[in-house]
Amino acid sequence: MDRMNTRYYKEPEVRAQIDQVLEKNARMFANLGNTSTPDEVKWAKNKERQRLKRVQHLDPVTVGSLLVED
């Protein structure tokens, strides 16, 4: 499927909801520092996946491409 034809690109409401999650995740990782413990990093990665999975139903193609296994 052409990614430009997904709901993320066609529906502003869907884009706004997904972008909100992406921004929260970006802020969370920006707040991790070089003094963060491995457990804190692991927690952040788990939280990121949880948030993405909550909005995956809005656009499975776009969000699914972000849910890549480590």
N, C-alpha and C. Protein backbone atom coordinates (compact mmCIF):
# COMPACT_ATOMS: atom_id res chain seq x y z
N MET A 1 0.85 -1.19 0.00
CA MET A 1 0.00 0.00 0.00
C MET A 1 0.88 1.25 0.00
N ASP A 2 0.48 2.21 -0.77
CA ASP A 2 1.18 3.49 -0.82
C ASP A 2 0.92 4.23 0.48
N ARG A 3 1.98 4.53 1.20
CA ARG A 3 1.84 5.16 2.52
C ARG A 3 1.14 6.51 2.43
N MET A 4 1.23 7.20 1.31
CA MET A 4 0.58 8.50 1.17
C MET A 4 -0.94 8.38 1.09
N ASN A 5 -1.43 7.17 0.92
CA ASN A 5 -2.88 6.95 0.86
C ASN A 5 -3.44 6.43 2.17
N THR A 6 -2.68 6.51 3.22
CA THR A 6 -3.15 6.03 4.52
C THR A 6 -3.95 7.12 5.23
N ARG A 7 -4.67 6.72 6.27
CA ARG A 7 -5.49 7.67 7.03
C ARG A 7 -4.65 8.78 7.63
N TYR A 8 -3.39 8.48 7.98
CA TYR A 8 -2.51 9.49 8.58
C TYR A 8 -2.37 10.69 7.65
N TYR A 9 -2.27 10.44 6.37
CA TYR A 9 -2.09 11.53 5.40
C TYR A 9 -3.40 12.10 4.89
N LYS A 10 -4.48 11.35 5.00
CA LYS A 10 -5.75 11.80 4.44
C LYS A 10 -6.69 12.45 5.46
N GLU A 11 -6.53 12.09 6.74
CA GLU A 11 -7.48 12.57 7.74
C GLU A 11 -6.75 13.36 8.84
N PRO A 12 -6.96 14.67 8.87
CA PRO A 12 -6.28 15.52 9.85
C PRO A 12 -6.47 15.10 11.30
N GLU A 13 -7.65 14.60 11.65
CA GLU A 13 -7.91 14.16 13.04
C GLU A 13 -7.02 12.98 13.41
N VAL A 14 -6.89 12.04 12.49
CA VAL A 14 -6.06 10.86 12.73
C VAL A 14 -4.60 11.29 12.86
N ARG A 15 -4.18 12.16 11.96
CA ARG A 15 -2.80 12.65 12.01
C ARG A 15 -2.51 13.35 13.34
N ALA A 16 -3.44 14.16 13.80
CA ALA A 16 -3.24 14.90 15.06
C ALA A 16 -3.11 13.94 16.24
N GLN A 17 -3.92 12.89 16.27
CA GLN A 17 -3.86 11.94 17.38
C GLN A 17 -2.56 11.16 17.37
N ILE A 18 -2.13 10.73 16.19
CA ILE A 18 -0.87 9.99 16.09
C ILE A 18 0.30 10.90 16.40
N ASP A 19 0.27 12.12 15.88
CA ASP A 19 1.35 13.07 16.14
C ASP A 19 1.48 13.38 17.63
N GLN A 20 0.35 13.44 18.32
CA GLN A 20 0.39 13.71 19.76
C GLN A 20 1.16 12.60 20.49
N VAL A 21 0.92 11.36 20.11
CA VAL A 21 1.64 10.24 20.71
C VAL A 21 3.12 10.31 20.35
N LEU A 22 3.42 10.62 19.11
CA LEU A 22 4.82 10.70 18.68
C LEU A 22 5.56 11.81 19.44
N GLU A 23 4.88 12.91 19.68
CA GLU A 23 5.50 14.01 20.42
C GLU A 23 5.76 13.61 21.88
N LYS A 24 4.80 12.93 22.49
CA LYS A 24 4.99 12.46 23.87
C LYS A 24 6.19 11.52 23.95
N ASN A 25 6.28 10.62 22.97
CA ASN A 25 7.39 9.67 22.96
C ASN A 25 8.72 10.40 22.76
N ALA A 26 8.75 11.36 21.87
CA ALA A 26 9.98 12.11 21.62
C ALA A 26 10.43 12.86 22.88
N ARG A 27 9.47 13.48 23.58
CA ARG A 27 9.80 14.17 24.82
C ARG A 27 10.34 13.22 25.88
N MET A 28 9.72 12.06 25.96
CA MET A 28 10.15 11.07 26.94
C MET A 28 11.60 10.65 26.68
N PHE A 29 11.94 10.38 25.43
CA PHE A 29 13.31 9.96 25.12
C PHE A 29 14.29 11.11 25.23
N ALA A 30 13.83 12.32 24.95
CA ALA A 30 14.71 13.49 25.10
C ALA A 30 15.09 13.70 26.55
N ASN A 31 14.20 13.31 27.45
CA ASN A 31 14.47 13.48 28.88
C ASN A 31 15.36 12.38 29.46
N LEU A 32 15.59 11.33 28.69
CA LEU A 32 16.56 10.32 29.13
C LEU A 32 17.95 10.90 28.89
N GLY A 33 18.83 10.65 29.77
CA GLY A 33 20.19 11.18 29.61
C GLY A 33 21.21 10.08 29.68
N ASN A 34 22.46 10.48 29.61
CA ASN A 34 23.53 9.48 29.66
C ASN A 34 23.67 8.88 31.06
N THR A 35 22.93 9.43 32.01
CA THR A 35 22.95 8.85 33.36
C THR A 35 21.75 7.95 33.61
N SER A 36 20.90 7.80 32.59
CA SER A 36 19.73 6.93 32.74
C SER A 36 20.17 5.48 32.85
N THR A 37 19.50 4.77 33.71
CA THR A 37 19.84 3.37 33.92
C THR A 37 19.25 2.52 32.78
N PRO A 38 19.79 1.33 32.57
CA PRO A 38 19.20 0.44 31.56
C PRO A 38 17.72 0.15 31.84
N ASP A 39 17.35 0.08 33.11
CA ASP A 39 15.94 -0.13 33.45
C ASP A 39 15.07 1.05 33.02
N GLU A 40 15.58 2.26 33.17
CA GLU A 40 14.82 3.44 32.73
C GLU A 40 14.65 3.46 31.22
N VAL A 41 15.67 3.08 30.51
CA VAL A 41 15.59 3.03 29.05
C VAL A 41 14.61 1.95 28.62
N LYS A 42 14.67 0.81 29.27
CA LYS A 42 13.75 -0.29 28.96
C LYS A 42 12.31 0.12 29.24
N TRP A 43 12.10 0.81 30.37
CA TRP A 43 10.77 1.30 30.71
C TRP A 43 10.25 2.24 29.63
N ALA A 44 11.12 3.15 29.16
CA ALA A 44 10.72 4.12 28.13
C ALA A 44 10.36 3.41 26.83
N LYS A 45 11.12 2.41 26.45
CA LYS A 45 10.82 1.66 25.22
C LYS A 45 9.48 0.94 25.34
N ASN A 46 9.22 0.36 26.51
CA ASN A 46 7.94 -0.31 26.73
C ASN A 46 6.78 0.68 26.69
N LYS A 47 6.97 1.83 27.31
CA LYS A 47 5.93 2.87 27.31
C LYS A 47 5.66 3.36 25.89
N GLU A 48 6.72 3.52 25.10
CA GLU A 48 6.57 3.95 23.71
C GLU A 48 5.70 2.95 22.95
N ARG A 49 5.99 1.67 23.07
CA ARG A 49 5.23 0.63 22.38
C ARG A 49 3.77 0.63 22.82
N GLN A 50 3.54 0.80 24.12
CA GLN A 50 2.16 0.84 24.63
C GLN A 50 1.38 1.98 23.99
N ARG A 51 2.00 3.13 23.96
CA ARG A 51 1.33 4.30 23.38
C ARG A 51 1.04 4.10 21.89
N LEU A 52 2.01 3.56 21.16
CA LEU A 52 1.80 3.33 19.73
C LEU A 52 0.71 2.30 19.49
N LYS A 53 0.69 1.26 20.29
CA LYS A 53 -0.34 0.23 20.12
C LYS A 53 -1.73 0.78 20.38
N ARG A 54 -1.83 1.77 21.28
CA ARG A 54 -3.13 2.38 21.57
C ARG A 54 -3.71 3.14 20.38
N VAL A 55 -2.85 3.64 19.49
CA VAL A 55 -3.35 4.39 18.33
C VAL A 55 -3.17 3.62 17.02
N GLN A 56 -2.69 2.40 17.09
CA GLN A 56 -2.45 1.63 15.87
C GLN A 56 -3.73 1.41 15.07
N HIS A 57 -4.86 1.29 15.75
CA HIS A 57 -6.13 1.07 15.05
C HIS A 57 -6.49 2.24 14.13
N LEU A 58 -5.96 3.42 14.42
CA LEU A 58 -6.25 4.59 13.59
C LEU A 58 -5.63 4.48 12.20
N ASP A 59 -4.43 3.92 12.14
CA ASP A 59 -3.74 3.71 10.86
C ASP A 59 -2.71 2.59 11.04
N PRO A 60 -3.15 1.35 10.83
CA PRO A 60 -2.27 0.21 11.06
C PRO A 60 -1.00 0.23 10.21
N VAL A 61 -1.05 0.80 9.02
CA VAL A 61 0.12 0.82 8.15
C VAL A 61 1.18 1.77 8.70
N THR A 62 0.81 2.99 8.98
CA THR A 62 1.76 4.00 9.45
C THR A 62 2.29 3.65 10.83
N VAL A 63 1.40 3.38 11.76
CA VAL A 63 1.84 3.09 13.12
C VAL A 63 2.55 1.74 13.16
N GLY A 64 2.08 0.79 12.38
CA GLY A 64 2.72 -0.52 12.32
C GLY A 64 4.17 -0.44 11.87
N SER A 65 4.46 0.51 11.01
CA SER A 65 5.85 0.67 10.54
C SER A 65 6.76 1.18 11.65
N LEU A 66 6.17 1.78 12.69
CA LEU A 66 6.95 2.27 13.83
C LEU A 66 7.13 1.21 14.90
N LEU A 67 6.29 0.19 14.85
CA LEU A 67 6.35 -0.87 15.85
C LEU A 67 7.26 -2.01 15.37
N VAL A 68 8.50 -1.71 15.25
CA VAL A 68 9.48 -2.68 14.78
C VAL A 68 10.14 -3.32 16.00
N GLU A 69 10.31 -4.61 15.95
CA GLU A 69 10.96 -5.31 17.06
C GLU A 69 12.42 -4.92 17.15
N ASP A 70 12.93 -4.84 18.37
CA ASP A 70 14.35 -4.53 18.59
C ASP A 70 15.21 -5.68 18.14
